[in-house]
C-alpha atoms as a PDB file:
ATOM      1  CA  ALA A   1      -0.679  22.658 -10.289  1.00  0.00           C
ATOM      2  CA  SER A   2      -4.368  21.926 -10.371  1.00  0.00           C
ATOM      3  CA  THR A   3      -6.095  21.341  -7.065  1.00  0.00           C
ATOM      4  CA  GLU A   4      -8.850  19.333  -8.734  1.00  0.00           C
ATOM      5  CA  VAL A   5      -8.823  15.597  -8.235  1.00  0.00           C
ATOM      6  CA  GLN A   6      -8.466  13.947 -11.623  1.00  0.00           C
ATOM      7  CA  ALA A   7     -10.403  10.800 -12.400  1.00  0.00           C
ATOM      8  CA  GLY A   8      -8.299   7.794 -11.474  1.00  0.00           C
ATOM      9  CA  ASP A   9      -5.912   9.695  -9.171  1.00  0.00           C
ATOM     10  CA  ILE A  10      -7.068   7.822  -6.069  1.00  0.00           C
ATOM     11  CA  GLU A  11      -6.663   4.439  -7.774  1.00  0.00           C
ATOM     12  CA  GLU A  12      -3.289   5.425  -9.258  1.00  0.00           C
ATOM     13  CA  GLY A  13      -2.228   6.740  -5.848  1.00  0.00           C
ATOM     14  CA  LYS A  14      -3.147   3.401  -4.309  1.00  0.00           C
ATOM     15  CA  LYS A  15      -0.918   1.625  -6.840  1.00  0.00           C
ATOM     16  CA  VAL A  16       2.006   3.950  -6.047  1.00  0.00           C
ATOM     17  CA  ALA A  17       1.424   3.710  -2.286  1.00  0.00           C
ATOM     18  CA  PHE A  18       1.325  -0.097  -2.345  1.00  0.00           C
ATOM     19  CA  HIS A  19       4.217  -0.501  -4.830  1.00  0.00           C
ATOM     20  CA  ARG A  20       7.215  -1.897  -2.958  1.00  0.00           C
ATOM     21  CA  LYS A  21       9.722   0.178  -4.957  1.00  0.00           C
ATOM     22  CA  LYS A  22       7.733   3.437  -4.980  1.00  0.00           C
ATOM     23  CA  GLY A  23       5.693   4.540  -1.983  1.00  0.00           C
ATOM     24  CA  ASN A  24       6.015   1.274  -0.074  1.00  0.00           C
ATOM     25  CA  CYS A  25       3.669   2.771   2.533  1.00  0.00           C
ATOM     26  CA  LEU A  26       2.735  -0.721   3.713  1.00  0.00           C
ATOM     27  CA  ALA A  27       6.267  -1.255   5.016  1.00  0.00           C
ATOM     28  CA  CYS A  28       5.327   0.929   7.997  1.00  0.00           C
ATOM     29  CA  HIS A  29       1.577   1.613   7.888  1.00  0.00           C
ATOM     30  CA  ALA A  30      -1.577  -0.493   8.006  1.00  0.00           C
ATOM     31  CA  ILE A  31      -3.806   0.559   5.107  1.00  0.00           C
ATOM     32  CA  ALA A  32      -7.223  -0.835   4.185  1.00  0.00           C
ATOM     33  CA  GLY A  33      -6.805  -3.298   1.314  1.00  0.00           C
ATOM     34  CA  GLY A  34      -3.065  -3.708   1.865  1.00  0.00           C
ATOM     35  CA  LYS A  35      -1.300  -6.978   2.556  1.00  0.00           C
ATOM     36  CA  LEU A  36       1.487  -7.586   5.101  1.00  0.00           C
ATOM     37  CA  PRO A  37       1.478  -4.099   6.671  1.00  0.00           C
ATOM     38  CA  GLY A  38       4.112  -2.908   9.085  1.00  0.00           C
ATOM     39  CA  ASN A  39       3.333  -1.175  12.358  1.00  0.00           C
ATOM     40  CA  ILE A  40       6.214   1.295  12.739  1.00  0.00           C
ATOM     41  CA  GLY A  41       3.977   4.189  11.674  1.00  0.00           C
ATOM     42  CA  PRO A  42       0.349   4.829  12.611  1.00  0.00           C
ATOM     43  CA  PRO A  43      -2.432   3.115  10.660  1.00  0.00           C
ATOM     44  CA  LEU A  44      -3.590   5.341   7.819  1.00  0.00           C
ATOM     45  CA  ILE A  45      -7.233   5.854   8.772  1.00  0.00           C
ATOM     46  CA  ASN A  46      -9.449   8.926   9.251  1.00  0.00           C
ATOM     47  CA  MET A  47      -6.986  11.013   7.293  1.00  0.00           C
ATOM     48  CA  LYS A  48      -9.419  13.895   6.608  1.00  0.00           C
ATOM     49  CA  GLN A  49      -9.868  14.293  10.353  1.00  0.00           C
ATOM     50  CA  ARG A  50      -6.130  14.042  11.042  1.00  0.00           C
ATOM     51  CA  PHE A  51      -5.212  16.421   8.197  1.00  0.00           C
ATOM     52  CA  PRO A  52      -8.171  18.783   7.562  1.00  0.00           C
ATOM     53  CA  ASN A  53      -5.892  20.735   5.205  1.00  0.00           C
ATOM     54  CA  LYS A  54      -4.791  18.431   2.378  1.00  0.00           C
ATOM     55  CA  ALA A  55      -1.668  20.565   1.832  1.00  0.00           C
ATOM     56  CA  ASP A  56      -0.491  19.575   5.326  1.00  0.00           C
ATOM     57  CA  LEU A  57      -0.784  15.901   4.394  1.00  0.00           C
ATOM     58  CA  LYS A  58       1.191  16.502   1.200  1.00  0.00           C
ATOM     59  CA  ALA A  59       3.866  18.322   3.192  1.00  0.00           C
ATOM     60  CA  GLN A  60       4.056  15.420   5.655  1.00  0.00           C
ATOM     61  CA  ILE A  61       4.490  12.836   2.900  1.00  0.00           C
ATOM     62  CA  GLY A  62       6.802  15.104   0.915  1.00  0.00           C
ATOM     63  CA  ASN A  63       9.182  15.690   3.833  1.00  0.00           C
ATOM     64  CA  ALA A  64       8.190  14.371   7.263  1.00  0.00           C
ATOM     65  CA  THR A  65      11.516  15.533   8.733  1.00  0.00           C
ATOM     66  CA  ILE A  66      10.177  19.099   8.885  1.00  0.00           C
ATOM     67  CA  ASN A  67       7.730  18.121  11.657  1.00  0.00           C
ATOM     68  CA  ASN A  68       9.902  15.392  13.150  1.00  0.00           C
ATOM     69  CA  PRO A  69      13.652  15.557  12.483  1.00  0.00           C
ATOM     70  CA  ASN A  70      14.070  12.037  13.929  1.00  0.00           C
ATOM     71  CA  THR A  71      11.465  10.335  11.747  1.00  0.00           C
ATOM     72  CA  ILE A  72      12.447   7.301   9.711  1.00  0.00           C
ATOM     73  CA  MET A  73       9.832   8.167   7.061  1.00  0.00           C
ATOM     74  CA  PRO A  74      11.590   8.912   3.764  1.00  0.00           C
ATOM     75  CA  PRO A  75      11.132  12.458   2.396  1.00  0.00           C
ATOM     76  CA  TYR A  76       9.303  11.290  -0.738  1.00  0.00           C
ATOM     77  CA  GLY A  77       9.135  14.727  -2.350  1.00  0.00           C
ATOM     78  CA  ALA A  78      12.365  16.309  -1.153  1.00  0.00           C
ATOM     79  CA  HIS A  79      14.442  13.310  -2.279  1.00  0.00           C
ATOM     80  CA  LYS A  80      12.474  12.852  -5.532  1.00  0.00           C
ATOM     81  CA  ILE A  81      11.509   9.298  -4.542  1.00  0.00           C
ATOM     82  CA  LEU A  82       8.130  10.074  -6.082  1.00  0.00           C
ATOM     83  CA  SER A  83       7.452  12.474  -8.934  1.00  0.00           C
ATOM     84  CA  GLU A  84       5.215  15.468  -8.216  1.00  0.00           C
ATOM     85  CA  LYS A  85       2.322  13.687  -9.973  1.00  0.00           C
ATOM     86  CA  GLU A  86       2.903  10.456  -8.014  1.00  0.00           C
ATOM     87  CA  LEU A  87       3.067  12.448  -4.790  1.00  0.00           C
ATOM     88  CA  ASP A  88      -0.235  14.163  -5.631  1.00  0.00           C
ATOM     89  CA  GLN A  89      -1.820  10.788  -6.461  1.00  0.00           C
ATOM     90  CA  VAL A  90      -0.618   9.247  -3.183  1.00  0.00           C
ATOM     91  CA  VAL A  91      -1.998  12.256  -1.292  1.00  0.00           C
ATOM     92  CA  GLU A  92      -5.409  11.763  -2.958  1.00  0.00           C
ATOM     93  CA  PHE A  93      -5.402   8.062  -2.070  1.00  0.00           C
ATOM     94  CA  ILE A  94      -4.263   8.555   1.532  1.00  0.00           C
ATOM     95  CA  TYR A  95      -6.728  11.448   1.961  1.00  0.00           C
ATOM     96  CA  SER A  96      -9.559   9.144   0.851  1.00  0.00           C
ATOM     97  CA  LEU A  97      -8.855   6.707   3.709  1.00  0.00           C
END
């Protein structure tokens, strides 16, 4: 898998993240540009500071139960809720916040 950000990945990741049947990140997180956010999870801001290593962010989105077995966050990668490409795109979008 390429570690280079492809043109459009951030915008595509935003679409996946905001899509109610895909990422649905807004159900639990406040995100700049999103409408009707939930507040169960932390607001997604300053992500480069919170996750200096982008791979850690991908691991968190892919399967948050590794760090917190009691989390209600779906394991987007482990359960194939998002494809590998969609997961990478969401990571690029979230990392840009």
